[in-house]
């Protein structure tokens, strides 16, 4: 179900992140609204994501961002969190991407989010 975006290997357990997991899934919808202004402003999903993390004071709150996207406009966000978060692209076939991992379809995204929230409840 969870595969690395480029190599196709399975998603390993992330032990390097400690308790840094996302606080809310509302970030996706906020970025979607912000990205529509790209033609009018010097703005993209990566800049919007970094701005939101700054506003949420992510360094002091130990937030670990997970960004899930399905098209080329999401690449800016994948690049923005390469070193401090997890990018997941939703796509049927392989392509060059800055995302860390790949899910094939919305059904796999739902399963991933359900498993993630179940594990967070246990911790």
PDB file of N, CA and C in Angstrom:
ATOM      1  N   UNK A   1       0.818  -1.199   0.000  1.00  0.00           N
ATOM      2  CA  UNK A   1       0.000   0.000   0.000  1.00  0.00           C
ATOM      3  C   UNK A   1       0.858   1.257   0.000  1.00  0.00           C
ATOM      4  N   UNK A   2       1.802   1.412   0.918  1.00  0.00           N
ATOM      5  CA  UNK A   2       2.633   2.606   0.979  1.00  0.00           C
ATOM      6  C   UNK A   2       3.952   2.316   0.289  1.00  0.00           C
ATOM      7  N   UNK A   3       4.259   3.072  -0.739  1.00  0.00           N
ATOM      8  CA  UNK A   3       5.499   2.830  -1.468  1.00  0.00           C
ATOM      9  C   UNK A   3       6.293   4.102  -1.594  1.00  0.00           C
ATOM     10  N   UNK A   4       7.592   3.951  -1.676  1.00  0.00           N
ATOM     11  CA  UNK A   4       8.440   5.099  -1.875  1.00  0.00           C
ATOM     12  C   UNK A   4       8.208   5.638  -3.277  1.00  0.00           C
ATOM     13  N   UNK A   5       8.208   6.942  -3.423  1.00  0.00           N
ATOM     14  CA  UNK A   5       7.826   7.574  -4.682  1.00  0.00           C
ATOM     15  C   UNK A   5       8.719   7.153  -5.847  1.00  0.00           C
ATOM     16  N   UNK A   6       9.983   6.982  -5.631  1.00  0.00           N
ATOM     17  CA  UNK A   6      10.875   6.687  -6.737  1.00  0.00           C
ATOM     18  C   UNK A   6      11.219   5.210  -6.814  1.00  0.00           C
ATOM     19  N   UNK A   7      11.567   4.592  -5.692  1.00  0.00           N
ATOM     20  CA  UNK A   7      12.090   3.234  -5.741  1.00  0.00           C
ATOM     21  C   UNK A   7      11.024   2.153  -5.659  1.00  0.00           C
ATOM     22  N   UNK A   8       9.864   2.452  -5.103  1.00  0.00           N
ATOM     23  CA  UNK A   8       8.810   1.458  -5.005  1.00  0.00           C
ATOM     24  C   UNK A   8       8.924   0.550  -3.793  1.00  0.00           C
ATOM     25  N   UNK A   9       9.833   0.829  -2.860  1.00  0.00           N
ATOM     26  CA  UNK A   9       9.938  -0.006  -1.669  1.00  0.00           C
ATOM     27  C   UNK A   9       8.870   0.382  -0.658  1.00  0.00           C
ATOM     28  N   UNK A  10       8.613  -0.471   0.315  1.00  0.00           N
ATOM     29  CA  UNK A  10       7.547  -0.193   1.277  1.00  0.00           C
ATOM     30  C   UNK A  10       7.962   0.872   2.273  1.00  0.00           C
ATOM     31  N   UNK A  11       6.989   1.537   2.839  1.00  0.00           N
ATOM     32  CA  UNK A  11       7.200   2.621   3.781  1.00  0.00           C
ATOM     33  C   UNK A  11       7.783   2.102   5.086  1.00  0.00           C
ATOM     34  N   UNK A  12       8.969   2.555   5.474  1.00  0.00           N
ATOM     35  CA  UNK A  12       9.555   2.105   6.738  1.00  0.00           C
ATOM     36  C   UNK A  12       8.943   2.857   7.910  1.00  0.00           C
ATOM     37  N   UNK A  13       9.079   2.301   9.098  1.00  0.00           N
ATOM     38  CA  UNK A  13       8.627   2.999  10.292  1.00  0.00           C
ATOM     39  C   UNK A  13       9.525   4.212  10.496  1.00  0.00           C
ATOM     40  N   UNK A  14       8.952   5.356  10.842  1.00  0.00           N
ATOM     41  CA  UNK A  14       9.744   6.571  11.054  1.00  0.00           C
ATOM     42  C   UNK A  14      10.098   6.656  12.522  1.00  0.00           C
ATOM     43  N   UNK A  15      11.315   6.315  12.870  1.00  0.00           N
ATOM     44  CA  UNK A  15      11.736   6.373  14.266  1.00  0.00           C
ATOM     45  C   UNK A  15      12.491   7.653  14.569  1.00  0.00           C
ATOM     46  N   UNK A  16      12.909   8.381  13.544  1.00  0.00           N
ATOM     47  CA  UNK A  16      13.703   9.583  13.745  1.00  0.00           C
ATOM     48  C   UNK A  16      12.864  10.791  14.123  1.00  0.00           C
ATOM     49  N   UNK A  17      11.548  10.673  14.132  1.00  0.00           N
ATOM     50  CA  UNK A  17      10.679  11.825  14.352  1.00  0.00           C
ATOM     51  C   UNK A  17      10.126  11.918  15.769  1.00  0.00           C
ATOM     52  N   UNK A  18      10.385  10.931  16.599  1.00  0.00           N
ATOM     53  CA  UNK A  18       9.861  10.978  17.955  1.00  0.00           C
ATOM     54  C   UNK A  18       8.357  11.087  17.972  1.00  0.00           C
ATOM     55  N   UNK A  19       7.841  12.046  18.707  1.00  0.00           N
ATOM     56  CA  UNK A  19       6.398  12.247  18.807  1.00  0.00           C
ATOM     57  C   UNK A  19       5.909  13.352  17.885  1.00  0.00           C
ATOM     58  N   UNK A  20       6.655  13.694  16.880  1.00  0.00           N
ATOM     59  CA  UNK A  20       6.278  14.784  15.981  1.00  0.00           C
ATOM     60  C   UNK A  20       5.310  14.278  14.934  1.00  0.00           C
ATOM     61  N   UNK A  21       4.032  14.402  15.177  1.00  0.00           N
ATOM     62  CA  UNK A  21       3.012  13.977  14.215  1.00  0.00           C
ATOM     63  C   UNK A  21       2.025  15.102  14.001  1.00  0.00           C
ATOM     64  N   UNK A  22       1.299  15.092  12.901  1.00  0.00           N
ATOM     65  CA  UNK A  22       0.418  16.214  12.574  1.00  0.00           C
ATOM     66  C   UNK A  22      -0.688  16.407  13.605  1.00  0.00           C
ATOM     67  N   UNK A  23      -0.987  17.664  13.847  1.00  0.00           N
ATOM     68  CA  UNK A  23      -2.030  18.009  14.794  1.00  0.00           C
ATOM     69  C   UNK A  23      -3.388  18.033  14.116  1.00  0.00           C
ATOM     70  N   UNK A  24      -3.415  18.408  12.852  1.00  0.00           N
ATOM     71  CA  UNK A  24      -4.691  18.588  12.168  1.00  0.00           C
ATOM     72  C   UNK A  24      -4.555  18.261  10.684  1.00  0.00           C
ATOM     73  N   UNK A  25      -5.635  17.790  10.094  1.00  0.00           N
ATOM     74  CA  UNK A  25      -5.637  17.516   8.664  1.00  0.00           C
ATOM     75  C   UNK A  25      -6.258  18.671   7.876  1.00  0.00           C
ATOM     76  N   UNK A  26      -6.575  19.780   8.552  1.00  0.00           N
ATOM     77  CA  UNK A  26      -7.189  20.921   7.872  1.00  0.00           C
ATOM     78  C   UNK A  26      -6.187  21.663   6.993  1.00  0.00           C
ATOM     79  N   UNK A  27      -4.910  21.384   7.150  1.00  0.00           N
ATOM     80  CA  UNK A  27      -3.871  22.052   6.384  1.00  0.00           C
ATOM     81  C   UNK A  27      -4.080  21.885   4.888  1.00  0.00           C
ATOM     82  N   UNK A  28      -4.496  20.710   4.444  1.00  0.00           N
ATOM     83  CA  UNK A  28      -4.696  20.446   3.017  1.00  0.00           C
ATOM     84  C   UNK A  28      -5.681  21.437   2.411  1.00  0.00           C
ATOM     85  N   UNK A  29      -6.804  21.642   3.057  1.00  0.00           N
ATOM     86  CA  UNK A  29      -7.837  22.526   2.513  1.00  0.00           C
ATOM     87  C   UNK A  29      -7.373  23.971   2.511  1.00  0.00           C
ATOM     88  N   UNK A  30      -6.616  24.361   3.522  1.00  0.00           N
ATOM     89  CA  UNK A  30      -6.095  25.726   3.559  1.00  0.00           C
ATOM     90  C   UNK A  30      -5.151  25.952   2.389  1.00  0.00           C
ATOM     91  N   UNK A  31      -4.263  24.989   2.120  1.00  0.00           N
ATOM     92  CA  UNK A  31      -3.324  25.130   1.018  1.00  0.00           C
ATOM     93  C   UNK A  31      -4.041  25.172  -0.320  1.00  0.00           C
ATOM     94  N   UNK A  32      -5.106  24.420  -0.450  1.00  0.00           N
ATOM     95  CA  UNK A  32      -5.861  24.419  -1.703  1.00  0.00           C
ATOM     96  C   UNK A  32      -6.418  25.809  -1.995  1.00  0.00           C
ATOM     97  N   UNK A  33      -6.921  26.471  -0.968  1.00  0.00           N
ATOM     98  CA  UNK A  33      -7.461  27.815  -1.147  1.00  0.00           C
ATOM     99  C   UNK A  33      -6.349  28.808  -1.472  1.00  0.00           C
ATOM    100  N   UNK A  34      -5.225  28.692  -0.775  1.00  0.00           N
ATOM    101  CA  UNK A  34      -4.105  29.596  -1.000  1.00  0.00           C
ATOM    102  C   UNK A  34      -3.526  29.431  -2.399  1.00  0.00           C
ATOM    103  N   UNK A  35      -3.480  28.199  -2.907  1.00  0.00           N
ATOM    104  CA  UNK A  35      -2.817  27.961  -4.185  1.00  0.00           C
ATOM    105  C   UNK A  35      -3.561  28.596  -5.352  1.00  0.00           C
ATOM    106  N   UNK A  36      -4.846  28.899  -5.211  1.00  0.00           N
ATOM    107  CA  UNK A  36      -5.584  29.510  -6.311  1.00  0.00           C
ATOM    108  C   UNK A  36      -5.124  30.942  -6.565  1.00  0.00           C
ATOM    109  N   UNK A  37      -4.407  31.543  -5.631  1.00  0.00           N
ATOM    110  CA  UNK A  37      -3.921  32.911  -5.785  1.00  0.00           C
ATOM    111  C   UNK A  37      -2.559  32.970  -6.473  1.00  0.00           C
ATOM    112  N   UNK A  38      -2.010  31.831  -6.887  1.00  0.00           N
ATOM    113  CA  UNK A  38      -0.657  31.782  -7.438  1.00  0.00           C
ATOM    114  C   UNK A  38      -0.466  32.720  -8.620  1.00  0.00           C
ATOM    115  N   UNK A  39      -1.466  32.832  -9.496  1.00  0.00           N
ATOM    116  CA  UNK A  39      -1.328  33.684 -10.668  1.00  0.00           C
ATOM    117  C   UNK A  39      -1.310  35.174 -10.299  1.00  0.00           C
ATOM    118  N   UNK A  40      -1.907  35.540  -9.179  1.00  0.00           N
ATOM    119  CA  UNK A  40      -1.981  36.938  -8.785  1.00  0.00           C
ATOM    120  C   UNK A  40      -0.826  37.362  -7.888  1.00  0.00           C
ATOM    121  N   UNK A  41      -0.261  36.435  -7.149  1.00  0.00           N
ATOM    122  CA  UNK A  41       0.778  36.737  -6.172  1.00  0.00           C
ATOM    123  C   UNK A  41       1.979  35.830  -6.402  1.00  0.00           C
ATOM    124  N   UNK A  42       3.100  36.193  -5.794  1.00  0.00           N
ATOM    125  CA  UNK A  42       4.257  35.301  -5.796  1.00  0.00           C
ATOM    126  C   UNK A  42       4.037  34.285  -4.687  1.00  0.00           C
ATOM    127  N   UNK A  43       3.197  33.297  -4.965  1.00  0.00           N
ATOM    128  CA  UNK A  43       2.712  32.377  -3.937  1.00  0.00           C
ATOM    129  C   UNK A  43       2.574  31.000  -4.552  1.00  0.00           C
ATOM    130  N   UNK A  44       2.941  29.968  -3.816  1.00  0.00           N
ATOM    131  CA  UNK A  44       2.718  28.600  -4.263  1.00  0.00           C
ATOM    132  C   UNK A  44       2.435  27.744  -3.034  1.00  0.00           C
ATOM    133  N   UNK A  45       2.165  26.481  -3.226  1.00  0.00           N
ATOM    134  CA  UNK A  45       1.793  25.611  -2.109  1.00  0.00           C
ATOM    135  C   UNK A  45       2.945  25.417  -1.128  1.00  0.00           C
ATOM    136  N   UNK A  46       4.174  25.445  -1.615  1.00  0.00           N
ATOM    137  CA  UNK A  46       5.323  25.334  -0.722  1.00  0.00           C
ATOM    138  C   UNK A  46       5.434  26.536   0.195  1.00  0.00           C
ATOM    139  N   UNK A  47       5.282  27.740  -0.373  1.00  0.00           N
ATOM    140  CA  UNK A  47       5.332  28.959   0.436  1.00  0.00           C
ATOM    141  C   UNK A  47       4.164  29.001   1.416  1.00  0.00           C
ATOM    142  N   UNK A  48       2.998  28.556   0.974  1.00  0.00           N
ATOM    143  CA  UNK A  48       1.832  28.532   1.859  1.00  0.00           C
ATOM    144  C   UNK A  48       2.060  27.558   3.019  1.00  0.00           C
ATOM    145  N   UNK A  49       2.621  26.395   2.723  1.00  0.00           N
ATOM    146  CA  UNK A  49       2.896  25.404   3.765  1.00  0.00           C
ATOM    147  C   UNK A  49       3.904  25.939   4.770  1.00  0.00           C
ATOM    148  N   UNK A  50       4.995  26.528   4.303  1.00  0.00           N
ATOM    149  CA  UNK A  50       5.995  27.089   5.221  1.00  0.00           C
ATOM    150  C   UNK A  50       5.411  28.229   6.051  1.00  0.00           C
ATOM    151  N   UNK A  51       4.559  29.052   5.435  1.00  0.00           N
ATOM    152  CA  UNK A  51       3.911  30.131   6.173  1.00  0.00           C
ATOM    153  C   UNK A  51       3.013  29.575   7.281  1.00  0.00           C
ATOM    154  N   UNK A  52       2.220  28.558   6.950  1.00  0.00           N
ATOM    155  CA  UNK A  52       1.341  27.961   7.960  1.00  0.00           C
ATOM    156  C   UNK A  52       2.138  27.334   9.097  1.00  0.00           C
ATOM    157  N   UNK A  53       3.233  26.671   8.773  1.00  0.00           N
ATOM    158  CA  UNK A  53       4.072  26.080   9.821  1.00  0.00           C
ATOM    159  C   UNK A  53       4.664  27.159  10.716  1.00  0.00           C
ATOM    160  N   UNK A  54       5.038  28.287  10.116  1.00  0.00           N
ATOM    161  CA  UNK A  54       5.561  29.406  10.909  1.00  0.00           C
ATOM    162  C   UNK A  54       4.477  29.978  11.818  1.00  0.00           C
ATOM    163  N   UNK A  55       3.287  30.189  11.276  1.00  0.00           N
ATOM    164  CA  UNK A  55       2.176  30.725  12.059  1.00  0.00           C
ATOM    165  C   UNK A  55       1.812  29.786  13.207  1.00  0.00           C
ATOM    166  N   UNK A  56       1.893  28.481  12.946  1.00  0.00           N
ATOM    167  CA  UNK A  56       1.578  27.489  13.980  1.00  0.00           C
ATOM    168  C   UNK A  56       2.743  27.296  14.951  1.00  0.00           C
ATOM    169  N   UNK A  57       3.837  28.038  14.749  1.00  0.00           N
ATOM    170  CA  UNK A  57       5.022  27.939  15.599  1.00  0.00           C
ATOM    171  C   UNK A  57       5.490  26.490  15.683  1.00  0.00           C
ATOM    172  N   UNK A  58       5.695  25.892  14.524  1.00  0.00           N
ATOM    173  CA  UNK A  58       5.970  24.460  14.442  1.00  0.00           C
ATOM    174  C   UNK A  58       7.252  24.044  15.138  1.00  0.00           C
ATOM    175  N   UNK A  59       8.246  24.921  15.227  1.00  0.00           N
ATOM    176  CA  UNK A  59       9.499  24.522  15.872  1.00  0.00           C
ATOM    177  C   UNK A  59       9.318  24.315  17.368  1.00  0.00           C
ATOM    178  N   UNK A  60       8.583  25.185  18.026  1.00  0.00           N
ATOM    179  CA  UNK A  60       8.407  25.028  19.466  1.00  0.00           C
ATOM    180  C   UNK A  60       7.334  23.991  19.809  1.00  0.00           C
ATOM    181  N   UNK A  61       6.420  23.720  18.876  1.00  0.00           N
ATOM    182  CA  UNK A  61       5.350  22.760  19.143  1.00  0.00           C
ATOM    183  C   UNK A  61       5.666  21.369  18.614  1.00  0.00           C
ATOM    184  N   UNK A  62       6.823  21.184  18.014  1.00  0.00           N
ATOM    185  CA  UNK A  62       7.246  19.891  17.476  1.00  0.00           C
ATOM    186  C   UNK A  62       6.213  19.276  16.530  1.00  0.00           C
ATOM    187  N   UNK A  63       5.835  20.038  15.547  1.00  0.00           N
ATOM    188  CA  UNK A  63       4.898  19.563  14.527  1.00  0.00           C
ATOM    189  C   UNK A  63       5.696  18.900  13.413  1.00  0.00           C
ATOM    190  N   UNK A  64       5.254  17.742  12.997  1.00  0.00           N
ATOM    191  CA  UNK A  64       5.865  17.036  11.871  1.00  0.00           C
ATOM    192  C   UNK A  64       4.849  17.043  10.729  1.00  0.00           C
ATOM    193  N   UNK A  65       5.083  17.894   9.711  1.00  0.00           N
ATOM    194  CA  UNK A  65       4.084  18.011   8.641  1.00  0.00           C
ATOM    195  C   UNK A  65       4.087  16.811   7.693  1.00  0.00           C
ATOM    196  N   UNK A  66       2.899  16.377   7.335  1.00  0.00           N
ATOM    197  CA  UNK A  66       2.703  15.369   6.301  1.00  0.00           C
ATOM    198  C   UNK A  66       1.858  16.030   5.224  1.00  0.00           C
ATOM    199  N   UNK A  67       2.406  16.102   4.023  1.00  0.00           N
ATOM    200  CA  UNK A  67       1.708  16.748   2.920  1.00  0.00           C
ATOM    201  C   UNK A  67       1.363  15.696   1.880  1.00  0.00           C
ATOM    202  N   UNK A  68       0.089  15.624   1.524  1.00  0.00           N
ATOM    203  CA  UNK A  68      -0.385  14.670   0.524  1.00  0.00           C
ATOM    204  C   UNK A  68      -0.925  15.466  -0.659  1.00  0.00           C
ATOM    205  N   UNK A  69      -0.398  15.175  -1.862  1.00  0.00           N
ATOM    206  CA  UNK A  69      -0.828  15.896  -3.050  1.00  0.00           C
ATOM    207  C   UNK A  69      -0.864  14.998  -4.266  1.00  0.00           C
ATOM    208  N   UNK A  70      -1.546  15.466  -5.321  1.00  0.00           N
ATOM    209  CA  UNK A  70      -1.745  14.595  -6.478  1.00  0.00           C
ATOM    210  C   UNK A  70      -1.388  15.227  -7.826  1.00  0.00           C
ATOM    211  N   UNK A  71      -0.757  16.399  -7.842  1.00  0.00           N
ATOM    212  CA  UNK A  71      -0.410  16.965  -9.150  1.00  0.00           C
ATOM    213  C   UNK A  71       0.868  17.794  -9.082  1.00  0.00           C
ATOM    214  N   UNK A  72       1.248  18.364 -10.202  1.00  0.00           N
ATOM    215  CA  UNK A  72       2.513  19.100 -10.288  1.00  0.00           C
ATOM    216  C   UNK A  72       2.561  20.320  -9.384  1.00  0.00           C
ATOM    217  N   UNK A  73       1.419  20.941  -9.097  1.00  0.00           N
ATOM    218  CA  UNK A  73       1.428  22.124  -8.230  1.00  0.00           C
ATOM    219  C   UNK A  73       1.780  21.774  -6.790  1.00  0.00           C
ATOM    220  N   UNK A  74       1.734  20.494  -6.442  1.00  0.00           N
ATOM    221  CA  UNK A  74       2.101  20.060  -5.090  1.00  0.00           C
ATOM    222  C   UNK A  74       3.609  19.898  -4.922  1.00  0.00           C
ATOM    223  N   UNK A  75       4.355  19.897  -6.013  1.00  0.00           N
ATOM    224  CA  UNK A  75       5.807  19.706  -5.929  1.00  0.00           C
ATOM    225  C   UNK A  75       6.483  20.785  -5.092  1.00  0.00           C
ATOM    226  N   UNK A  76       5.970  22.026  -5.135  1.00  0.00           N
ATOM    227  CA  UNK A  76       6.552  23.094  -4.315  1.00  0.00           C
ATOM    228  C   UNK A  76       6.466  22.742  -2.830  1.00  0.00           C
ATOM    229  N   UNK A  77       5.352  22.181  -2.414  1.00  0.00           N
ATOM    230  CA  UNK A  77       5.186  21.783  -1.008  1.00  0.00           C
ATOM    231  C   UNK A  77       6.088  20.599  -0.665  1.00  0.00           C
ATOM    232  N   UNK A  78       6.199  19.635  -1.574  1.00  0.00           N
ATOM    233  CA  UNK A  78       7.094  18.500  -1.328  1.00  0.00           C
ATOM    234  C   UNK A  78       8.528  18.989  -1.122  1.00  0.00           C
ATOM    235  N   UNK A  79       8.965  19.928  -1.956  1.00  0.00           N
ATOM    236  CA  UNK A  79      10.314  20.487  -1.814  1.00  0.00           C
ATOM    237  C   UNK A  79      10.457  21.240  -0.493  1.00  0.00           C
ATOM    238  N   UNK A  80       9.427  21.970  -0.103  1.00  0.00           N
ATOM    239  CA  UNK A  80       9.486  22.797   1.108  1.00  0.00           C
ATOM    240  C   UNK A  80       9.704  21.972   2.370  1.00  0.00           C
ATOM    241  N   UNK A  81       9.201  20.742   2.400  1.00  0.00           N
ATOM    242  CA  UNK A  81       9.326  19.930   3.624  1.00  0.00           C
ATOM    243  C   UNK A  81      10.245  18.727   3.452  1.00  0.00           C
ATOM    244  N   UNK A  82      11.092  18.751   2.433  1.00  0.00           N
ATOM    245  CA  UNK A  82      12.002  17.628   2.184  1.00  0.00           C
ATOM    246  C   UNK A  82      12.788  17.223   3.432  1.00  0.00           C
ATOM    247  N   UNK A  83      13.268  18.200   4.192  1.00  0.00           N
ATOM    248  CA  UNK A  83      14.124  17.912   5.344  1.00  0.00           C
ATOM    249  C   UNK A  83      13.374  17.891   6.680  1.00  0.00           C
ATOM    250  N   UNK A  84      12.146  18.372   6.711  1.00  0.00           N
ATOM    251  CA  UNK A  84      11.467  18.510   8.006  1.00  0.00           C
ATOM    252  C   UNK A  84      10.085  17.873   8.040  1.00  0.00           C
ATOM    253  N   UNK A  85       9.710  17.128   7.018  1.00  0.00           N
ATOM    254  CA  UNK A  85       8.378  16.538   6.995  1.00  0.00           C
ATOM    255  C   UNK A  85       8.323  15.364   6.044  1.00  0.00           C
ATOM    256  N   UNK A  86       7.116  15.000   5.678  1.00  0.00           N
ATOM    257  CA  UNK A  86       6.900  13.837   4.818  1.00  0.00           C
ATOM    258  C   UNK A  86       5.965  14.218   3.684  1.00  0.00           C
ATOM    259  N   UNK A  87       6.439  14.074   2.453  1.00  0.00           N
ATOM    260  CA  UNK A  87       5.627  14.339   1.276  1.00  0.00           C
ATOM    261  C   UNK A  87       5.148  13.034   0.662  1.00  0.00           C
ATOM    262  N   UNK A  88       3.857  12.969   0.360  1.00  0.00           N
ATOM    263  CA  UNK A  88       3.269  11.773  -0.240  1.00  0.00           C
ATOM    264  C   UNK A  88       2.500  12.186  -1.490  1.00  0.00           C
ATOM    265  N   UNK A  89       2.878  11.603  -2.620  1.00  0.00           N
ATOM    266  CA  UNK A  89       2.167  11.888  -3.869  1.00  0.00           C
ATOM    267  C   UNK A  89       1.149  10.780  -4.125  1.00  0.00           C
ATOM    268  N   UNK A  90       0.000  11.167  -4.653  1.00  0.00           N
ATOM    269  CA  UNK A  90      -1.047  10.215  -5.018  1.00  0.00           C
ATOM    270  C   UNK A  90      -1.060  10.141  -6.539  1.00  0.00           C
ATOM    271  N   UNK A  91      -0.595   9.001  -7.068  1.00  0.00           N
ATOM    272  CA  UNK A  91      -0.455   8.845  -8.510  1.00  0.00           C
ATOM    273  C   UNK A  91      -0.383   7.365  -8.843  1.00  0.00           C
ATOM    274  N   UNK A  92      -0.936   6.991  -9.971  1.00  0.00           N
ATOM    275  CA  UNK A  92      -0.960   5.580 -10.384  1.00  0.00           C
ATOM    276  C   UNK A  92       0.404   5.037 -10.774  1.00  0.00           C
ATOM    277  N   UNK A  93       1.169   5.801 -11.514  1.00  0.00           N
ATOM    278  CA  UNK A  93       2.446   5.293 -12.013  1.00  0.00           C
ATOM    279  C   UNK A  93       3.611   6.128 -11.527  1.00  0.00           C
ATOM    280  N   UNK A  94       4.822   5.641 -11.699  1.00  0.00           N
ATOM    281  CA  UNK A  94       5.996   6.378 -11.229  1.00  0.00           C
ATOM    282  C   UNK A  94       6.256   7.631 -12.059  1.00  0.00           C
ATOM    283  N   UNK A  95       6.793   8.641 -11.414  1.00  0.00           N
ATOM    284  CA  UNK A  95       7.250   9.856 -12.079  1.00  0.00           C
ATOM    285  C   UNK A  95       8.254  10.534 -11.162  1.00  0.00           C
ATOM    286  N   UNK A  96       9.045  11.397 -11.703  1.00  0.00           N
ATOM    287  CA  UNK A  96      10.012  12.134 -10.894  1.00  0.00           C
ATOM    288  C   UNK A  96       9.256  13.087  -9.978  1.00  0.00           C
ATOM    289  N   UNK A  97       9.598  13.051  -8.700  1.00  0.00           N
ATOM    290  CA  UNK A  97       8.901  13.871  -7.705  1.00  0.00           C
ATOM    291  C   UNK A  97       9.809  14.131  -6.516  1.00  0.00           C
ATOM    292  N   UNK A  98       9.522  15.197  -5.785  1.00  0.00           N
ATOM    293  CA  UNK A  98      10.231  15.481  -4.544  1.00  0.00           C
ATOM    294  C   UNK A  98       9.556  14.805  -3.355  1.00  0.00           C
ATOM    295  N   UNK A  99       8.425  14.162  -3.587  1.00  0.00           N
ATOM    296  CA  UNK A  99       7.721  13.458  -2.507  1.00  0.00           C
ATOM    297  C   UNK A  99       8.560  12.276  -2.026  1.00  0.00           C
ATOM    298  N   UNK A 100       8.408  11.950  -0.750  1.00  0.00           N
ATOM    299  CA  UNK A 100       9.132  10.820  -0.176  1.00  0.00           C
ATOM    300  C   UNK A 100       8.499   9.484  -0.548  1.00  0.00           C
ATOM    301  N   UNK A 101       7.160   9.460  -0.606  1.00  0.00           N
ATOM    302  CA  UNK A 101       6.436   8.213  -0.826  1.00  0.00           C
ATOM    303  C   UNK A 101       5.288   8.421  -1.795  1.00  0.00           C
ATOM    304  N   UNK A 102       4.696   7.302  -2.226  1.00  0.00           N
ATOM    305  CA  UNK A 102       3.617   7.331  -3.197  1.00  0.00           C
ATOM    306  C   UNK A 102       2.462   6.443  -2.728  1.00  0.00           C
ATOM    307  N   UNK A 103       1.248   6.936  -2.899  1.00  0.00           N
ATOM    308  CA  UNK A 103       0.043   6.134  -2.743  1.00  0.00           C
ATOM    309  C   UNK A 103      -0.644   6.134  -4.098  1.00  0.00           C
ATOM    310  N   UNK A 104      -1.301   5.031  -4.440  1.00  0.00           N
ATOM    311  CA  UNK A 104      -1.834   4.883  -5.802  1.00  0.00           C
ATOM    312  C   UNK A 104      -3.152   5.595  -6.060  1.00  0.00           C
ATOM    313  N   UNK A 105      -3.994   5.760  -5.021  1.00  0.00           N
ATOM    314  CA  UNK A 105      -5.323   6.326  -5.257  1.00  0.00           C
ATOM    315  C   UNK A 105      -5.911   6.858  -3.951  1.00  0.00           C
ATOM    316  N   UNK A 106      -7.046   7.556  -4.014  1.00  0.00           N
ATOM    317  CA  UNK A 106      -7.662   8.092  -2.799  1.00  0.00           C
ATOM    318  C   UNK A 106      -8.007   7.019  -1.759  1.00  0.00           C
ATOM    319  N   UNK A 107      -8.330   5.806  -2.201  1.00  0.00           N
ATOM    320  CA  UNK A 107      -8.606   4.725  -1.250  1.00  0.00           C
ATOM    321  C   UNK A 107      -7.388   4.406  -0.396  1.00  0.00           C
ATOM    322  N   UNK A 108      -6.199   4.414  -0.998  1.00  0.00           N
ATOM    323  CA  UNK A 108      -4.976   4.178  -0.230  1.00  0.00           C
ATOM    324  C   UNK A 108      -4.687   5.340   0.717  1.00  0.00           C
ATOM    325  N   UNK A 109      -5.029   6.559   0.296  1.00  0.00           N
ATOM    326  CA  UNK A 109      -4.870   7.719   1.181  1.00  0.00           C
ATOM    327  C   UNK A 109      -5.756   7.539   2.415  1.00  0.00           C
ATOM    328  N   UNK A 110      -6.996   7.133   2.190  1.00  0.00           N
ATOM    329  CA  UNK A 110      -7.912   6.922   3.316  1.00  0.00           C
ATOM    330  C   UNK A 110      -7.370   5.861   4.261  1.00  0.00           C
ATOM    331  N   UNK A 111      -6.886   4.739   3.723  1.00  0.00           N
ATOM    332  CA  UNK A 111      -6.328   3.682   4.582  1.00  0.00           C
ATOM    333  C   UNK A 111      -5.108   4.184   5.353  1.00  0.00           C
ATOM    334  N   UNK A 112      -4.251   4.951   4.690  1.00  0.00           N
ATOM    335  CA  UNK A 112      -3.074   5.508   5.347  1.00  0.00           C
ATOM    336  C   UNK A 112      -3.484   6.413   6.515  1.00  0.00           C
ATOM    337  N   UNK A 113      -4.432   7.314   6.268  1.00  0.00           N
ATOM    338  CA  UNK A 113      -4.862   8.242   7.320  1.00  0.00           C
ATOM    339  C   UNK A 113      -5.552   7.518   8.469  1.00  0.00           C
ATOM    340  N   UNK A 114      -6.344   6.489   8.159  1.00  0.00           N
ATOM    341  CA  UNK A 114      -6.988   5.706   9.218  1.00  0.00           C
ATOM    342  C   UNK A 114      -5.947   4.987  10.069  1.00  0.00           C
ATOM    343  N   UNK A 115      -4.947   4.380   9.423  1.00  0.00           N
ATOM    344  CA  UNK A 115      -3.904   3.674  10.169  1.00  0.00           C
ATOM    345  C   UNK A 115      -3.078   4.658  10.998  1.00  0.00           C
ATOM    346  N   UNK A 116      -2.756   5.814  10.416  1.00  0.00           N
ATOM    347  CA  UNK A 116      -2.000   6.828  11.140  1.00  0.00           C
ATOM    348  C   UNK A 116      -2.751   7.295  12.381  1.00  0.00           C
ATOM    349  N   UNK A 117      -4.027   7.618  12.229  1.00  0.00           N
ATOM    350  CA  UNK A 117      -4.787   8.097  13.391  1.00  0.00           C
ATOM    351  C   UNK A 117      -4.965   6.992  14.434  1.00  0.00           C
ATOM    352  N   UNK A 118      -5.108   5.750  14.005  1.00  0.00           N
ATOM    353  CA  UNK A 118      -5.219   4.645  14.967  1.00  0.00           C
ATOM    354  C   UNK A 118      -3.936   4.498  15.769  1.00  0.00           C
ATOM    355  N   UNK A 119      -2.799   4.619  15.102  1.00  0.00           N
ATOM    356  CA  UNK A 119      -1.515   4.506  15.799  1.00  0.00           C
ATOM    357  C   UNK A 119      -1.279   5.699  16.722  1.00  0.00           C
ATOM    358  N   UNK A 120      -1.723   6.871  16.316  1.00  0.00           N
ATOM    359  CA  UNK A 120      -1.564   8.051  17.176  1.00  0.00           C
ATOM    360  C   UNK A 120      -2.392   7.917  18.450  1.00  0.00           C
ATOM    361  N   UNK A 121      -3.566   7.301  18.335  1.00  0.00           N
ATOM    362  CA  UNK A 121      -4.402   7.105  19.522  1.00  0.00           C
ATOM    363  C   UNK A 121      -3.741   6.162  20.515  1.00  0.00           C
ATOM    364  N   UNK A 122      -2.952   5.217  20.022  1.00  0.00           N
ATOM    365  CA  UNK A 122      -2.276   4.253  20.877  1.00  0.00           C
ATOM    366  C   UNK A 122      -1.057   4.855  21.580  1.00  0.00           C
ATOM    367  N   UNK A 123      -0.492   5.903  21.016  1.00  0.00           N
ATOM    368  CA  UNK A 123       0.733   6.470  21.601  1.00  0.00           C
ATOM    369  C   UNK A 123       0.448   7.492  22.681  1.00  0.00           C
TER     370      UNK A 123
END
